[in-house]
Amino acid sequence: MSQLQQLSDRIISRVNVNLEEFEFDTEPFVNNALDHEKMIKFYAFYGITSRHPLYFNFKKSNIAGSYFLGKCYVGRSAIYKSDIRGDELKRKGDCIKSAKNIPLVEDEMISIMDSLLYKTLVHSNSHNPESPELFSIRNTISAHYANIHGSTLEGCFIGPFATVDLMNLHSCIVGEFSYVQVGELFHREIDPGTIWIKNSNFEFKYKFKNSILDNFVGVNEAYQPRGVIYDFVRSRDQEFERLFDVMHLEPFDAPNSSAINRYAVIKGKTRIGENVLVAQRSFLENATMGDGSNAQENSYIIDSVLESNCITAHGGKIIHADVGQECFVGFNSFLNGRPDARIKIGEGCIVMPHTIISPNMPIEIPNGHLIWGYIESPEDLATQTISLDELAEVRESVTIDQMTFSGKGSVFIHAFKARLKHILEDNGALYKDGENRGHAQDDQNISFNIIQPYRTGERKGLYPSIRIKP
């Protein structure tokens, strides 16, 4: 048995033990997702900047086609075409906010052990006061286009297009196209298509109808994805392949204050403003990016206009749409307009994570609205949106169709806007006269380094054990 097969079997057994109470077997997913021959062909790469010193440690792993930035350790894991983004790792002396600030006694590190991450984004916005120096993912499998955003995981399965955000999960299953931000979960199974945000001050919950979810993001018996959104992404996969086939590309012409990642696809009549961040594996075609806007990893902006300071979170897809200034388009949202059914979103709107807008006619959402769920026609706006002013008046609870909100609406809005301001600051959207630098300025000079696996012998398919320190 090859060491690569042994690696897969070890990951399956580790995760299955953690999920035994659910009688959930991860073997069909792993065996149908991983093609060992392809895992031998792809190289991996890591970036270095003056703010991200060289520190990488890989051991007994396959990391085919994956991207790493920041201080990382990977052991006994398979990371396939994933992005491990450590550009927000905290440094010695930084603090994690809790009841009291907790200072770090050493630099924070990402540690991934006994896990399979398949086309997954990991973003190190850590918050765990129990292990402030370690952002860890252990005994976990994540499926196609999942987002692990600032979340530590132990013994979990994350379904296709699911997002876990700023939380800790232990022995949990998160169904496909679910978004969960609830602090901490133990031994829970989250139904597919669940959007759930909860803290001590408020709770937002929505669940897609099965018929809608199955059309856009379904899975087969082996948890392999299918549906409209998967077909949309898969049809553009080849556009990214050419980026990995050549060593040097002519850089896209953008302002000096903006960063266009080497591994982003830029096509057509795309225009980039000042202080714009275009991250790796983002796809722009005939897109207008206003000053301070961004396209985060796995986002698609096609035949669309984003005004200033718009945020397109990881996996957001915007097609034939006009998005007003200071709007947020959440994780894995799908704004699927057409030339004859264009989407217009007013200023200051918040498109909740995993929202689907797929209209059969032109649709316009007024300024300052919260948007969620599934919108197909203007009539759906009455049951899938609420003005932020109206939400701010909620003191106890409100139910609109399938959505339930409880708590103080004003606190929810304040918390959301504070997070959006933080994102803009981190991404360099507010950069001016040398002040407020962020990723759009610091990511302009990333140096990419390539590593490849063993092609023959008993270690065929594994990457050489590498330990690099500054």
Protein backbone atom coordinates (compact mmCIF):
# COMPACT_ATOMS: atom_id res chain seq x y z
CA MET A 1 0.00 0.00 0.00
CA SER A 2 1.42 3.41 -0.94
CA GLN A 3 2.16 5.96 1.74
CA LEU A 4 -0.31 8.32 0.08
CA GLN A 5 -3.07 5.71 0.50
CA GLN A 6 -1.97 5.17 4.09
CA LEU A 7 -2.29 8.90 4.64
CA SER A 8 -5.89 8.89 3.34
CA ASP A 9 -6.79 5.87 5.46
CA ARG A 10 -5.32 7.45 8.59
CA ILE A 11 -7.32 10.65 8.10
CA ILE A 12 -10.54 8.68 7.54
CA SER A 13 -10.06 6.64 10.71
CA ARG A 14 -9.23 9.67 12.84
CA VAL A 15 -12.27 11.65 11.72
CA ASN A 16 -14.64 8.67 11.85
CA VAL A 17 -13.77 8.05 15.49
CA ASN A 18 -14.76 11.60 16.36
CA LEU A 19 -18.06 11.31 14.45
CA GLU A 20 -18.95 7.79 15.54
CA GLU A 21 -22.06 8.91 17.45
CA PHE A 22 -23.57 10.17 14.18
CA GLU A 23 -22.78 6.92 12.35
CA PHE A 24 -21.13 9.11 9.75
CA ASP A 25 -18.55 7.49 7.48
CA THR A 26 -16.15 9.84 5.71
CA GLU A 27 -14.57 7.12 3.56
CA PRO A 28 -16.91 7.54 0.53
CA PHE A 29 -16.18 11.27 0.42
CA VAL A 30 -12.41 10.84 0.64
CA ASN A 31 -12.23 8.03 -1.89
CA ASN A 32 -14.36 9.91 -4.41
CA ALA A 33 -12.71 13.30 -3.87
CA LEU A 34 -9.02 12.39 -3.95
CA ASP A 35 -7.33 11.35 -7.16
CA HIS A 36 -3.87 10.23 -6.10
CA GLU A 37 -2.44 10.60 -9.59
CA LYS A 38 -3.47 14.27 -9.70
CA MET A 39 -2.06 14.82 -6.22
CA ILE A 40 1.35 13.85 -7.59
CA LYS A 41 1.24 16.33 -10.48
CA PHE A 42 0.51 19.62 -8.72
CA TYR A 43 3.10 21.72 -6.97
CA ALA A 44 2.43 23.69 -3.77
CA PHE A 45 3.61 27.21 -3.12
CA TYR A 46 4.10 29.61 -0.23
CA GLY A 47 4.43 33.34 -0.13
CA ILE A 48 6.91 35.50 1.69
CA THR A 49 6.72 39.21 2.47
CA SER A 50 8.67 41.44 4.83
CA ARG A 51 5.77 41.01 7.27
CA HIS A 52 5.59 37.22 6.86
CA PRO A 53 9.00 35.70 7.62
CA LEU A 54 9.92 32.31 6.26
CA TYR A 55 8.64 29.62 8.64
CA PHE A 56 7.12 26.46 7.17
CA ASN A 57 7.08 22.91 8.49
CA PHE A 58 5.55 20.10 6.40
CA LYS A 59 5.75 16.48 7.47
CA LYS A 60 4.26 13.27 6.03
CA SER A 61 1.69 15.23 4.02
CA ASN A 62 0.42 15.95 0.54
CA ILE A 63 -0.24 19.65 -0.13
CA ALA A 64 -0.97 19.54 -3.86
CA GLY A 65 -1.91 22.82 -5.50
CA SER A 66 -2.19 24.64 -2.17
CA TYR A 67 -1.07 28.11 -1.14
CA PHE A 68 0.43 29.03 2.23
CA LEU A 69 1.19 32.42 3.75
CA GLY A 70 2.41 32.89 7.30
CA LYS A 71 3.78 30.61 10.00
CA CYS A 72 2.40 27.12 9.27
CA TYR A 73 2.82 23.54 10.42
CA VAL A 74 1.22 20.65 8.50
CA GLY A 75 1.52 17.06 9.69
CA ARG A 76 -0.04 13.83 8.40
CA SER A 77 -2.57 15.80 6.33
CA ALA A 78 -3.79 16.13 2.75
CA ILE A 79 -4.41 19.71 1.67
CA TYR A 80 -5.60 19.78 -1.93
CA LYS A 81 -5.86 23.05 -3.88
CA SER A 82 -6.58 24.95 -0.67
CA ASP A 83 -5.52 28.38 0.57
CA ILE A 84 -4.03 28.59 4.05
CA ARG A 85 -3.96 32.30 4.64
CA GLY A 86 -1.98 33.33 7.70
CA ASP A 87 -1.64 37.03 6.96
CA GLU A 88 -3.55 37.91 10.14
CA LEU A 89 -1.62 35.67 12.50
CA LYS A 90 -0.94 37.50 15.71
CA ARG A 91 2.55 38.31 16.90
CA LYS A 92 4.23 38.01 20.28
CA GLY A 93 2.83 40.77 22.50
CA ASP A 94 -0.47 41.08 20.60
CA CYS A 95 -3.65 40.44 22.57
CA ILE A 96 -6.75 38.33 22.11
CA LYS A 97 -9.74 40.12 23.56
CA SER A 98 -11.73 38.21 26.16
CA ALA A 99 -13.08 39.21 29.58
CA LYS A 100 -9.51 40.42 29.96
CA ASN A 101 -6.97 40.90 27.20
CA ILE A 102 -4.71 37.86 26.82
CA PRO A 103 -1.23 38.72 25.51
CA LEU A 104 0.62 36.24 23.31
CA VAL A 105 3.93 35.02 24.70
CA GLU A 106 5.13 33.91 21.26
CA ASP A 107 4.10 34.29 17.62
CA GLU A 108 0.90 32.52 16.62
CA MET A 109 1.09 29.52 14.29
CA ILE A 110 -1.38 27.62 12.11
CA SER A 111 -1.25 23.90 12.90
CA ILE A 112 -3.08 21.35 10.71
CA MET A 113 -2.89 17.72 11.84
CA ASP A 114 -4.47 14.48 10.56
CA SER A 115 -6.87 16.40 8.32
CA LEU A 116 -8.08 16.62 4.74
CA LEU A 117 -8.89 20.07 3.39
CA TYR A 118 -10.27 19.85 -0.16
CA LYS A 119 -10.40 23.17 -2.07
CA THR A 120 -10.89 24.94 1.24
CA LEU A 121 -10.04 28.44 2.40
CA VAL A 122 -8.51 28.79 5.85
CA HIS A 123 -8.22 32.34 7.16
CA SER A 124 -6.42 32.90 10.46
CA ASN A 125 -8.55 35.53 12.17
CA SER A 126 -8.03 33.82 15.52
CA HIS A 127 -9.98 34.53 18.67
CA ASN A 128 -9.63 31.46 20.90
CA PRO A 129 -8.45 32.53 24.39
CA GLU A 130 -7.73 28.91 25.32
CA SER A 131 -4.88 28.60 22.80
CA PRO A 132 -3.90 32.11 21.71
CA GLU A 133 -0.59 31.06 20.16
CA LEU A 134 -2.04 28.17 18.13
CA PHE A 135 -4.67 28.23 15.41
CA SER A 136 -5.41 24.52 15.06
CA ILE A 137 -7.34 22.17 12.78
CA ARG A 138 -7.17 18.54 13.87
CA ASN A 139 -8.86 15.30 12.75
CA THR A 140 -11.08 17.23 10.34
CA ILE A 141 -12.29 16.87 6.76
CA SER A 142 -13.64 19.81 4.79
CA ALA A 143 -15.26 19.49 1.37
CA HIS A 144 -15.27 21.58 -1.80
CA TYR A 145 -15.18 25.37 -1.37
CA ALA A 146 -15.73 25.39 2.37
CA ASN A 147 -14.55 28.37 4.41
CA ILE A 148 -12.81 27.93 7.74
CA HIS A 149 -12.58 31.51 8.93
CA GLY A 150 -10.92 32.06 12.29
CA SER A 151 -12.37 28.77 13.56
CA THR A 152 -10.51 26.03 15.39
CA LEU A 153 -11.75 22.51 14.61
CA GLU A 154 -11.38 19.13 16.27
CA GLY A 155 -12.88 16.00 14.72
CA CYS A 156 -15.33 17.63 12.28
CA PHE A 157 -16.75 17.23 8.77
CA ILE A 158 -17.49 20.47 6.91
CA GLY A 159 -19.72 19.99 3.86
CA PRO A 160 -19.35 21.60 0.42
CA PHE A 161 -19.73 25.39 0.32
CA ALA A 162 -20.18 25.53 4.10
CA THR A 163 -18.66 28.24 6.31
CA VAL A 164 -17.62 28.14 9.95
CA ASP A 165 -16.79 31.61 11.19
CA LEU A 166 -15.00 32.83 14.32
CA MET A 167 -15.84 29.83 16.51
CA ASN A 168 -14.65 26.51 17.89
CA LEU A 169 -16.17 23.17 16.85
CA HIS A 170 -15.66 19.78 18.45
CA SER A 171 -16.93 16.56 16.83
CA CYS A 172 -19.49 18.32 14.63
CA ILE A 173 -20.96 17.88 11.15
CA VAL A 174 -21.79 21.05 9.24
CA GLY A 175 -24.07 20.40 6.26
CA GLU A 176 -23.53 21.75 2.76
CA PHE A 177 -24.06 25.50 2.20
CA SER A 178 -24.50 26.18 5.92
CA TYR A 179 -23.03 29.23 7.63
CA VAL A 180 -22.41 28.97 11.37
CA GLN A 181 -21.08 31.61 13.76
CA VAL A 182 -22.22 30.63 17.25
CA GLY A 183 -19.16 30.74 19.48
CA GLU A 184 -18.61 27.06 20.28
CA LEU A 185 -20.33 23.78 19.43
CA PHE A 186 -19.86 20.27 20.79
CA HIS A 187 -21.18 17.10 19.15
CA ARG A 188 -23.76 18.80 16.92
CA GLU A 189 -25.01 18.14 13.40
CA ILE A 190 -26.04 21.25 11.47
CA ASP A 191 -28.65 20.71 8.77
CA PRO A 192 -27.72 21.70 5.20
CA GLY A 193 -28.60 25.26 4.23
CA THR A 194 -28.69 26.61 7.80
CA ILE A 195 -27.62 30.21 8.39
CA TRP A 196 -27.07 30.65 12.12
CA ILE A 197 -25.45 33.54 13.97
CA LYS A 198 -25.68 33.66 17.74
CA ASN A 199 -24.08 35.37 20.70
CA SER A 200 -25.21 36.63 24.09
CA ASN A 201 -26.95 39.66 22.57
CA PHE A 202 -28.76 38.35 19.47
CA GLU A 203 -29.55 35.38 17.26
CA PHE A 204 -30.24 35.22 13.52
CA LYS A 205 -31.46 31.99 11.98
CA TYR A 206 -32.66 30.98 8.54
CA LYS A 207 -32.90 27.66 6.73
CA PHE A 208 -33.25 27.15 2.99
CA LYS A 209 -36.09 25.04 1.72
CA ASN A 210 -34.81 21.67 0.57
CA SER A 211 -36.10 22.12 -2.98
CA ILE A 212 -34.19 25.39 -3.41
CA LEU A 213 -31.01 24.16 -1.78
CA ASP A 214 -30.96 20.94 -3.78
CA ASN A 215 -31.07 22.92 -7.01
CA PHE A 216 -28.21 25.26 -6.12
CA VAL A 217 -25.97 23.16 -3.83
CA GLY A 218 -26.84 19.50 -3.59
CA VAL A 219 -24.68 16.50 -2.75
CA ASN A 220 -24.73 12.88 -3.83
CA GLU A 221 -24.39 9.83 -1.59
CA ALA A 222 -20.64 10.37 -1.32
CA TYR A 223 -21.08 14.05 -0.36
CA GLN A 224 -19.68 15.21 -3.69
CA PRO A 225 -21.31 18.52 -4.70
CA ARG A 226 -23.65 19.20 -7.57
CA GLY A 227 -26.08 21.98 -8.50
CA VAL A 228 -26.13 25.42 -10.14
CA ILE A 229 -23.46 27.02 -7.95
CA TYR A 230 -21.08 24.07 -8.26
CA ASP A 231 -21.53 24.01 -12.04
CA PHE A 232 -20.81 27.75 -12.16
CA VAL A 233 -17.50 27.33 -10.31
CA ARG A 234 -16.46 24.14 -12.03
CA SER A 235 -16.99 25.61 -15.51
CA ARG A 236 -14.28 28.19 -14.74
CA ASP A 237 -11.72 25.85 -13.18
CA GLN A 238 -9.60 25.73 -16.33
CA GLU A 239 -9.12 29.49 -16.18
CA PHE A 240 -7.06 29.00 -13.03
CA GLU A 241 -5.04 26.06 -14.33
CA ARG A 242 -3.02 28.24 -16.71
CA LEU A 243 -1.87 30.37 -13.77
CA PHE A 244 -0.13 27.35 -12.33
CA ASP A 245 1.37 26.20 -15.64
CA VAL A 246 3.67 29.18 -16.13
CA MET A 247 6.25 30.75 -13.87
CA HIS A 248 5.89 34.38 -14.92
CA LEU A 249 2.90 36.44 -15.99
CA GLU A 250 2.67 40.06 -17.00
CA PRO A 251 1.19 41.93 -14.02
CA PHE A 252 -2.22 43.51 -14.42
CA ASP A 253 -2.08 47.29 -14.71
CA ALA A 254 -3.41 48.62 -11.40
CA PRO A 255 -2.74 51.65 -9.18
CA ASN A 256 0.32 51.51 -6.93
CA SER A 257 -1.93 51.39 -3.86
CA SER A 258 -3.71 48.20 -4.99
CA ALA A 259 -2.68 44.54 -4.94
CA ILE A 260 -3.63 42.03 -7.65
CA ASN A 261 -2.57 38.56 -6.60
CA ARG A 262 -0.45 36.54 -9.02
CA TYR A 263 -2.94 33.68 -8.76
CA ALA A 264 -6.09 35.66 -9.58
CA VAL A 265 -7.83 35.52 -12.98
CA ILE A 266 -8.39 38.94 -14.58
CA LYS A 267 -10.26 39.06 -17.89
CA GLY A 268 -12.05 41.45 -20.22
CA LYS A 269 -12.49 45.14 -19.54
CA THR A 270 -11.74 45.05 -15.84
CA ARG A 271 -10.90 48.32 -14.05
CA ILE A 272 -9.21 48.54 -10.67
CA GLY A 273 -9.43 51.61 -8.41
CA GLU A 274 -7.17 52.78 -5.61
CA ASN A 275 -6.64 50.67 -2.44
CA VAL A 276 -8.20 47.57 -3.99
CA LEU A 277 -7.34 44.04 -2.90
CA VAL A 278 -7.80 41.15 -5.35
CA ALA A 279 -6.88 37.93 -3.56
CA GLN A 280 -5.62 34.60 -4.90
CA ARG A 281 -8.14 32.39 -6.71
CA SER A 282 -10.50 35.30 -7.28
CA PHE A 283 -12.02 35.70 -10.75
CA LEU A 284 -12.75 39.10 -12.32
CA GLU A 285 -14.20 39.56 -15.79
CA ASN A 286 -15.49 42.90 -17.09
CA ALA A 287 -15.51 44.05 -13.47
CA THR A 288 -15.24 47.56 -12.08
CA MET A 289 -13.69 47.67 -8.62
CA GLY A 290 -14.25 51.01 -6.92
CA ASP A 291 -11.69 52.56 -4.58
CA GLY A 292 -11.21 50.50 -1.43
CA SER A 293 -13.25 47.53 -2.65
CA ASN A 294 -12.01 43.96 -2.52
CA ALA A 295 -12.47 40.53 -4.05
CA GLN A 296 -11.50 37.93 -1.50
CA GLU A 297 -10.46 34.32 -2.17
CA ASN A 298 -12.75 32.21 -4.39
CA SER A 299 -14.89 35.23 -5.24
CA TYR A 300 -16.22 35.88 -8.75
CA ILE A 301 -17.11 39.34 -10.06
CA ILE A 302 -18.38 39.22 -13.61
CA ASP A 303 -19.98 41.99 -15.70
CA SER A 304 -20.54 43.91 -12.47
CA VAL A 305 -19.75 47.25 -10.86
CA LEU A 306 -18.71 47.57 -7.22
CA GLU A 307 -18.67 51.10 -5.86
CA SER A 308 -16.17 52.28 -3.26
CA ASN A 309 -15.41 50.27 -0.10
CA CYS A 310 -17.44 47.23 -1.12
CA ILE A 311 -16.50 43.93 0.52
CA THR A 312 -16.89 40.64 -1.34
CA ALA A 313 -16.27 37.99 1.31
CA HIS A 314 -14.68 34.61 0.63
CA GLY A 315 -16.56 32.72 -2.06
CA GLY A 316 -18.95 35.57 -2.93
CA LYS A 317 -20.20 35.53 -6.53
CA ILE A 318 -21.51 38.68 -8.22
CA ILE A 319 -22.76 38.43 -11.80
CA HIS A 320 -24.50 41.21 -13.78
CA ALA A 321 -24.96 43.38 -10.72
CA ASP A 322 -24.42 46.96 -9.55
CA VAL A 323 -23.42 47.14 -5.91
CA GLY A 324 -23.57 50.48 -4.10
CA GLN A 325 -20.80 51.87 -1.96
CA GLU A 326 -19.99 50.37 1.44
CA CYS A 327 -21.96 47.19 0.79
CA PHE A 328 -21.05 43.77 2.13
CA VAL A 329 -21.62 40.62 0.08
CA GLY A 330 -21.23 37.69 2.46
CA PHE A 331 -19.44 34.36 2.27
CA ASN A 332 -20.47 32.09 -0.61
CA SER A 333 -23.35 34.35 -1.61
CA PHE A 334 -24.59 33.95 -5.18
CA LEU A 335 -25.85 37.13 -6.86
CA ASN A 336 -26.77 35.57 -10.18
CA GLY A 337 -28.05 38.36 -12.40
CA ARG A 338 -28.38 38.23 -16.19
CA PRO A 339 -28.10 40.86 -18.94
CA ASP A 340 -31.91 41.11 -19.00
CA ALA A 341 -32.31 40.62 -15.24
CA ARG A 342 -29.66 42.82 -13.64
CA ILE A 343 -29.37 43.11 -9.87
CA LYS A 344 -28.99 46.53 -8.23
CA ILE A 345 -28.12 46.78 -4.56
CA GLY A 346 -28.29 50.16 -2.84
CA GLU A 347 -25.65 51.79 -0.69
CA GLY A 348 -24.86 50.44 2.75
CA CYS A 349 -26.63 47.11 2.29
CA ILE A 350 -25.59 43.91 4.05
CA VAL A 351 -26.00 40.74 2.01
CA MET A 352 -25.94 37.97 4.59
CA PRO A 353 -23.61 35.02 4.06
CA HIS A 354 -24.93 32.30 1.75
CA THR A 355 -27.65 34.46 0.22
CA ILE A 356 -28.95 33.49 -3.24
CA ILE A 357 -30.36 36.16 -5.56
CA SER A 358 -31.25 34.64 -8.93
CA PRO A 359 -33.95 36.83 -10.50
CA ASN A 360 -36.03 36.27 -13.62
CA MET A 361 -36.36 40.05 -14.12
CA PRO A 362 -34.44 43.20 -13.10
CA ILE A 363 -34.44 43.69 -9.36
CA GLU A 364 -33.48 46.65 -7.17
CA ILE A 365 -32.90 46.62 -3.43
CA PRO A 366 -33.04 50.04 -1.73
CA ASN A 367 -30.24 51.59 0.33
CA GLY A 368 -29.57 50.35 3.84
CA HIS A 369 -31.18 46.90 3.85
CA LEU A 370 -30.31 43.54 5.33
CA ILE A 371 -30.72 40.79 2.70
CA TRP A 372 -30.88 37.02 3.19
CA GLY A 373 -32.31 33.77 1.87
CA TYR A 374 -33.51 33.21 -1.68
CA ILE A 375 -34.72 36.03 -3.92
CA GLU A 376 -36.15 35.27 -7.36
CA SER A 377 -38.48 38.22 -8.00
CA PRO A 378 -39.25 41.69 -6.59
CA GLU A 379 -42.08 40.13 -4.58
CA ASP A 380 -39.52 38.19 -2.56
CA LEU A 381 -38.05 41.39 -1.13
CA ALA A 382 -40.93 41.58 1.36
CA THR A 383 -39.92 38.26 2.95
CA GLN A 384 -36.14 38.25 2.44
CA THR A 385 -35.09 41.81 3.33
CA ILE A 386 -35.59 44.37 6.08
CA SER A 387 -34.36 47.95 6.32
CA LEU A 388 -31.58 48.46 8.83
CA ASP A 389 -33.60 51.25 10.43
CA GLU A 390 -36.52 48.89 10.99
CA LEU A 391 -34.26 46.15 12.32
CA ALA A 392 -32.67 48.62 14.72
CA GLU A 393 -36.08 49.08 16.38
CA VAL A 394 -36.37 45.38 17.24
CA ARG A 395 -36.03 44.84 21.00
CA GLU A 396 -37.10 41.23 21.45
CA SER A 397 -37.76 39.28 18.25
CA VAL A 398 -39.09 39.39 14.73
CA THR A 399 -40.03 36.58 12.35
CA ILE A 400 -40.23 37.15 8.59
CA ASP A 401 -41.15 34.05 6.62
CA GLN A 402 -38.32 31.51 7.31
CA MET A 403 -36.08 34.00 9.14
CA THR A 404 -36.14 34.55 12.89
CA PHE A 405 -34.20 37.25 14.70
CA SER A 406 -34.15 37.65 18.46
CA GLY A 407 -32.37 40.19 20.62
CA LYS A 408 -31.60 43.84 20.00
CA GLY A 409 -31.43 44.73 16.35
CA SER A 410 -29.34 47.83 17.01
CA VAL A 411 -26.63 45.72 18.69
CA PHE A 412 -26.60 43.30 15.75
CA ILE A 413 -26.19 46.16 13.25
CA HIS A 414 -23.47 47.82 15.33
CA ALA A 415 -21.52 44.56 15.64
CA PHE A 416 -21.80 43.88 11.91
CA LYS A 417 -20.69 47.36 10.92
CA ALA A 418 -17.78 47.24 13.35
CA ARG A 419 -16.59 44.03 11.73
CA LEU A 420 -16.90 45.54 8.25
CA LYS A 421 -14.82 48.53 9.34
CA HIS A 422 -12.20 46.13 10.66
CA ILE A 423 -12.15 44.29 7.32
CA LEU A 424 -11.69 47.53 5.39
CA GLU A 425 -8.87 48.59 7.70
CA ASP A 426 -7.09 45.23 7.41
CA ASN A 427 -7.44 45.20 3.63
CA GLY A 428 -5.95 48.68 3.25
CA ALA A 429 -9.11 50.30 1.89
CA LEU A 430 -8.52 53.37 4.08
CA TYR A 431 -4.87 53.86 3.09
CA LYS A 432 -3.90 57.50 2.50
CA ASP A 433 -0.66 59.49 2.67
CA GLY A 434 1.27 56.52 4.01
CA GLU A 435 -1.17 55.83 6.86
CA ASN A 436 -3.51 52.86 7.42
CA ARG A 437 -1.56 50.34 5.37
CA GLY A 438 -3.23 46.98 4.84
CA HIS A 439 -3.19 43.91 2.62
CA ALA A 440 -3.75 45.97 -0.56
CA GLN A 441 -0.40 47.66 0.05
CA ASP A 442 1.55 44.90 1.82
CA ASP A 443 0.62 42.09 -0.59
CA GLN A 444 2.04 43.82 -3.67
CA ASN A 445 5.47 42.24 -3.33
CA ILE A 446 4.78 38.66 -2.31
CA SER A 447 7.58 36.29 -3.29
CA PHE A 448 6.24 32.87 -4.31
CA ASN A 449 8.22 29.71 -3.69
CA ILE A 450 7.40 26.32 -5.16
CA ILE A 451 7.75 22.82 -3.75
CA GLN A 452 6.89 19.50 -5.40
CA PRO A 453 6.16 15.95 -4.18
CA TYR A 454 8.15 12.77 -4.66
CA ARG A 455 7.38 11.39 -8.13
CA THR A 456 8.65 7.86 -7.56
CA GLY A 457 9.60 5.48 -4.78
CA GLU A 458 7.85 4.49 -1.58
CA ARG A 459 7.10 8.14 -0.71
CA LYS A 460 5.48 8.82 -4.08
CA GLY A 461 2.81 11.49 -3.68
CA LEU A 462 4.08 12.81 -0.35
CA TYR A 463 5.92 16.10 -0.13
CA PRO A 464 9.41 16.13 1.33
CA SER A 465 9.46 16.85 5.04
CA ILE A 466 10.59 20.47 5.18
CA ARG A 467 11.37 22.59 8.17
CA ILE A 468 12.33 26.15 7.36
CA LYS A 469 12.92 28.81 9.98
CA PRO A 470 14.06 32.39 9.61
